[in-house]
Amino acid sequence: MQPQSLSPSTLATQHKDRRAIACHMALLDALMRPLLDLRISVTDRCNFRCRYCMPREHFGSEHVFLEKTEILSYEEITKVASAMLPLGLRKLRITGGEPLVRKDLSNLIEMLRSLDSNLDIALTTNGILLAKHAQKLKDSGLNRVTISLDALDTEVFQHMGDTAHRPDEVVEGIDAALKAGLGVKINTVVQRNVNENQLGKIALMAHKRHIIPRFIEFMDVGT
């Protein structure tokens, strides 16, 4: 006997839990795997000019960033996430640019959390502003953060990020996130003859804090 095909309305009646609905309505990729993650960039602006990401020669003072009216509002982002939930959304990634340069980001986290208490909400950040916002983000419903940290030596850090900020500011953000109860991972972009001598230091710092470092090989694709 073939399984009965149920309409979305019938499913909604029989299954209050969105997860039950999602198994019948999930978005699938070309290999028929369910698409469970949604990544949303909340800004194209950043307070770094990492040479492998937003190099200053392309994103300098004359670069034209998106106008506020061209960026989705928090209400619009929440509507997108809400529409994806019945289709199987399980994980939501907030990215940028640097998402923490956008004002009142914790308000967005709170709005997204109100959609589903089981939604896994994560934030990718360079960590510079995290110490200031970690507790409020956690209180608003954020689950975890992924923090970019390419070096612990100030000279190497400032060279790679083309910034006057210091690595200890990022470490302060890491510690604030841990104190707030957020899950923490570290991403390190590895460039030959630039920061490979930093990997052991970063691994040791992460080990002492019982967090996971991830080392990502730099691929020059002509940024």
Protein backbone atom coordinates (compact mmCIF):
# COMPACT_ATOMS: atom_id res chain seq x y z
CA MET A 1 0.00 0.00 0.00
CA GLN A 2 1.32 3.41 -0.98
CA PRO A 3 1.54 5.96 1.86
CA GLN A 4 -1.24 8.51 1.74
CA SER A 5 -0.22 11.96 0.53
CA LEU A 6 -1.35 14.57 2.99
CA SER A 7 -1.98 18.20 2.15
CA PRO A 8 -0.24 20.91 4.20
CA SER A 9 -3.55 21.87 5.79
CA THR A 10 -4.21 18.28 6.87
CA LEU A 11 -0.70 18.01 8.22
CA ALA A 12 -1.11 21.24 10.15
CA THR A 13 -4.21 19.84 11.76
CA GLN A 14 -2.72 16.47 12.62
CA HIS A 15 0.73 17.66 13.62
CA LYS A 16 1.06 20.73 15.81
CA ASP A 17 4.80 20.33 15.89
CA ARG A 18 6.53 22.07 12.97
CA ARG A 19 9.03 19.25 12.83
CA ALA A 20 6.32 16.82 11.80
CA ILE A 21 5.19 19.22 9.07
CA ALA A 22 8.75 19.75 7.89
CA CYS A 23 9.33 16.09 7.06
CA HIS A 24 6.60 16.37 4.40
CA MET A 25 7.37 19.91 3.18
CA ALA A 26 11.15 20.23 3.49
CA LEU A 27 13.17 22.06 0.87
CA LEU A 28 15.58 19.63 -0.79
CA ASP A 29 18.83 20.14 -2.67
CA ALA A 30 19.76 18.41 -5.94
CA LEU A 31 20.76 15.28 -3.99
CA MET A 32 17.41 15.24 -2.15
CA ARG A 33 18.95 16.31 1.13
CA PRO A 34 16.84 18.59 3.33
CA LEU A 35 18.00 22.20 3.58
CA LEU A 36 17.98 22.89 7.31
CA ASP A 37 20.24 25.96 7.59
CA LEU A 38 19.52 29.59 6.76
CA ARG A 39 22.33 32.14 6.68
CA ILE A 40 21.32 35.80 6.83
CA SER A 41 23.70 38.72 6.35
CA VAL A 42 22.37 41.66 8.35
CA THR A 43 24.90 44.21 7.05
CA ASP A 44 27.60 44.63 4.42
CA ARG A 45 29.67 46.85 6.74
CA CYS A 46 32.62 45.77 8.87
CA ASN A 47 35.02 47.40 11.32
CA PHE A 48 37.95 45.37 9.90
CA ARG A 49 39.53 45.37 6.46
CA CYS A 50 40.87 41.83 6.40
CA ARG A 51 43.19 41.46 3.44
CA TYR A 52 41.59 38.16 2.37
CA CYS A 53 37.99 39.34 2.76
CA MET A 54 37.39 43.11 2.50
CA PRO A 55 40.75 44.56 1.42
CA ARG A 56 41.01 48.30 1.80
CA GLU A 57 41.89 48.84 -1.86
CA HIS A 58 38.38 47.64 -2.73
CA PHE A 59 36.51 48.69 0.43
CA GLY A 60 38.15 52.01 1.22
CA SER A 61 36.67 55.38 2.11
CA GLU A 62 35.12 55.79 -1.33
CA HIS A 63 33.37 52.42 -1.35
CA VAL A 64 29.59 52.76 -1.48
CA PHE A 65 27.86 50.46 1.00
CA LEU A 66 24.18 49.63 0.90
CA GLU A 67 21.76 52.28 2.08
CA LYS A 68 19.64 51.50 5.12
CA THR A 69 16.55 51.29 2.91
CA GLU A 70 18.23 48.58 0.82
CA ILE A 71 18.79 46.25 3.77
CA LEU A 72 16.11 43.98 5.19
CA SER A 73 14.57 45.30 8.40
CA TYR A 74 14.49 43.08 11.47
CA GLU A 75 10.77 42.57 10.87
CA GLU A 76 11.43 41.45 7.29
CA ILE A 77 14.20 39.08 8.36
CA THR A 78 11.87 37.57 10.96
CA LYS A 79 9.19 37.06 8.30
CA VAL A 80 11.69 35.20 6.10
CA ALA A 81 12.71 32.94 8.98
CA SER A 82 9.07 32.35 9.90
CA ALA A 83 8.30 31.28 6.33
CA MET A 84 11.23 28.84 6.40
CA LEU A 85 10.30 27.13 9.66
CA PRO A 86 7.51 24.96 8.22
CA LEU A 87 9.96 23.92 5.47
CA GLY A 88 12.37 22.37 7.95
CA LEU A 89 14.55 25.25 9.16
CA ARG A 90 16.60 24.15 12.18
CA LYS A 91 19.66 26.40 12.22
CA LEU A 92 19.89 30.14 11.64
CA ARG A 93 23.24 31.88 11.12
CA ILE A 94 23.54 35.64 11.55
CA THR A 95 26.47 37.06 9.56
CA GLY A 96 27.69 40.23 7.86
CA GLY A 97 29.99 42.08 7.24
CA GLU A 98 30.30 42.34 10.98
CA PRO A 99 26.79 41.81 12.37
CA LEU A 100 27.49 43.57 15.67
CA VAL A 101 27.98 46.92 13.94
CA ARG A 102 24.25 46.87 13.20
CA LYS A 103 22.29 48.67 15.89
CA ASP A 104 20.26 46.69 18.44
CA LEU A 105 21.07 43.26 17.03
CA SER A 106 19.79 41.67 20.23
CA ASN A 107 16.31 42.85 19.22
CA LEU A 108 16.53 40.70 16.09
CA ILE A 109 17.73 37.70 18.12
CA GLU A 110 14.76 38.12 20.45
CA MET A 111 12.33 38.31 17.52
CA LEU A 112 13.81 35.18 15.93
CA ARG A 113 13.76 33.29 19.23
CA SER A 114 10.07 34.07 19.64
CA LEU A 115 9.40 32.05 16.47
CA ASP A 116 10.64 28.75 17.87
CA SER A 117 12.27 27.90 21.19
CA ASN A 118 14.13 25.00 19.50
CA LEU A 119 15.69 27.04 16.70
CA ASP A 120 19.50 26.98 16.83
CA ILE A 121 20.59 30.62 16.43
CA ALA A 122 24.28 31.38 15.92
CA LEU A 123 26.30 34.51 15.22
CA THR A 124 29.54 34.86 13.25
CA THR A 125 31.64 37.80 14.43
CA ASN A 126 35.18 39.15 14.61
CA GLY A 127 34.61 39.48 18.36
CA ILE A 128 35.72 43.09 18.81
CA LEU A 129 32.30 44.25 20.04
CA LEU A 130 31.34 40.97 21.67
CA ALA A 131 32.44 41.77 25.23
CA LYS A 132 29.96 44.63 25.29
CA HIS A 133 27.03 42.63 23.90
CA ALA A 134 27.54 38.97 24.87
CA GLN A 135 25.25 38.83 27.89
CA LYS A 136 22.42 40.72 26.19
CA LEU A 137 22.68 38.48 23.13
CA LYS A 138 22.48 35.40 25.34
CA ASP A 139 19.51 36.81 27.25
CA SER A 140 17.78 37.53 23.93
CA GLY A 141 18.04 33.89 22.86
CA LEU A 142 21.35 33.47 21.02
CA ASN A 143 22.77 29.95 21.33
CA ARG A 144 26.36 30.33 20.19
CA VAL A 145 28.99 32.38 18.43
CA THR A 146 31.73 31.65 15.92
CA ILE A 147 34.59 34.09 16.37
CA SER A 148 37.25 34.93 13.80
CA LEU A 149 40.75 35.07 15.29
CA ASP A 150 43.73 34.87 12.94
CA ALA A 151 46.55 35.67 15.38
CA LEU A 152 47.38 36.34 19.00
CA ASP A 153 50.47 38.42 18.26
CA THR A 154 49.39 42.02 17.84
CA GLU A 155 51.55 42.76 14.80
CA VAL A 156 50.30 39.74 12.85
CA PHE A 157 46.70 40.33 13.94
CA GLN A 158 46.74 43.97 12.86
CA HIS A 159 48.41 43.12 9.55
CA MET A 160 45.88 40.45 8.58
CA GLY A 161 42.88 42.48 9.68
CA ASP A 162 44.32 45.80 8.48
CA THR A 163 43.08 47.24 11.74
CA ALA A 164 44.25 49.12 14.81
CA HIS A 165 42.30 46.75 17.07
CA ARG A 166 44.21 44.24 19.20
CA PRO A 167 43.81 40.47 19.61
CA ASP A 168 43.28 40.82 23.37
CA GLU A 169 40.00 42.61 22.56
CA VAL A 170 38.85 39.47 20.76
CA VAL A 171 39.97 37.24 23.62
CA GLU A 172 38.01 39.50 25.97
CA GLY A 173 34.97 38.91 23.77
CA ILE A 174 35.56 35.16 23.85
CA ASP A 175 35.70 35.17 27.64
CA ALA A 176 32.57 37.32 27.86
CA ALA A 177 30.71 34.90 25.60
CA LEU A 178 31.77 31.94 27.72
CA LYS A 179 30.78 33.75 30.90
CA ALA A 180 27.37 34.51 29.42
CA GLY A 181 26.84 30.82 28.66
CA LEU A 182 27.15 30.97 24.88
CA GLY A 183 28.68 28.15 22.90
CA VAL A 184 31.94 29.31 21.31
CA LYS A 185 33.96 28.22 18.28
CA ILE A 186 37.01 29.92 16.77
CA ASN A 187 37.76 30.25 13.05
CA THR A 188 41.33 30.94 11.96
CA VAL A 189 42.24 31.63 8.33
CA VAL A 190 45.73 30.23 7.74
CA GLN A 191 48.07 31.98 5.30
CA ARG A 192 51.52 30.64 4.51
CA ASN A 193 54.36 32.87 5.68
CA VAL A 194 51.86 35.13 7.43
CA ASN A 195 50.30 33.47 10.48
CA GLU A 196 51.17 29.78 10.49
CA ASN A 197 53.31 30.42 13.56
CA GLN A 198 50.16 31.52 15.41
CA LEU A 199 48.32 28.20 15.20
CA GLY A 200 49.87 26.61 18.27
CA LYS A 201 49.17 29.71 20.36
CA ILE A 202 45.55 29.83 19.24
CA ALA A 203 45.10 26.10 19.83
CA LEU A 204 46.52 26.41 23.36
CA MET A 205 44.32 29.41 24.16
CA ALA A 206 41.26 27.50 22.92
CA HIS A 207 42.22 24.33 24.80
CA LYS A 208 42.52 26.22 28.08
CA ARG A 209 38.96 27.46 27.58
CA HIS A 210 37.59 24.10 26.37
CA ILE A 211 36.46 25.53 23.05
CA ILE A 212 36.89 24.29 19.49
CA PRO A 213 39.32 25.98 17.08
CA ARG A 214 38.92 25.49 13.34
CA PHE A 215 41.80 26.22 10.98
CA ILE A 216 40.75 27.23 7.47
CA GLU A 217 43.23 27.13 4.61
CA PHE A 218 43.36 30.41 2.70
CA MET A 219 42.31 30.03 -0.94
CA ASP A 220 43.26 32.99 -3.12
CA VAL A 221 40.33 33.46 -5.48
CA GLY A 222 41.16 37.05 -6.36
CA THR A 223 39.40 38.96 -3.59
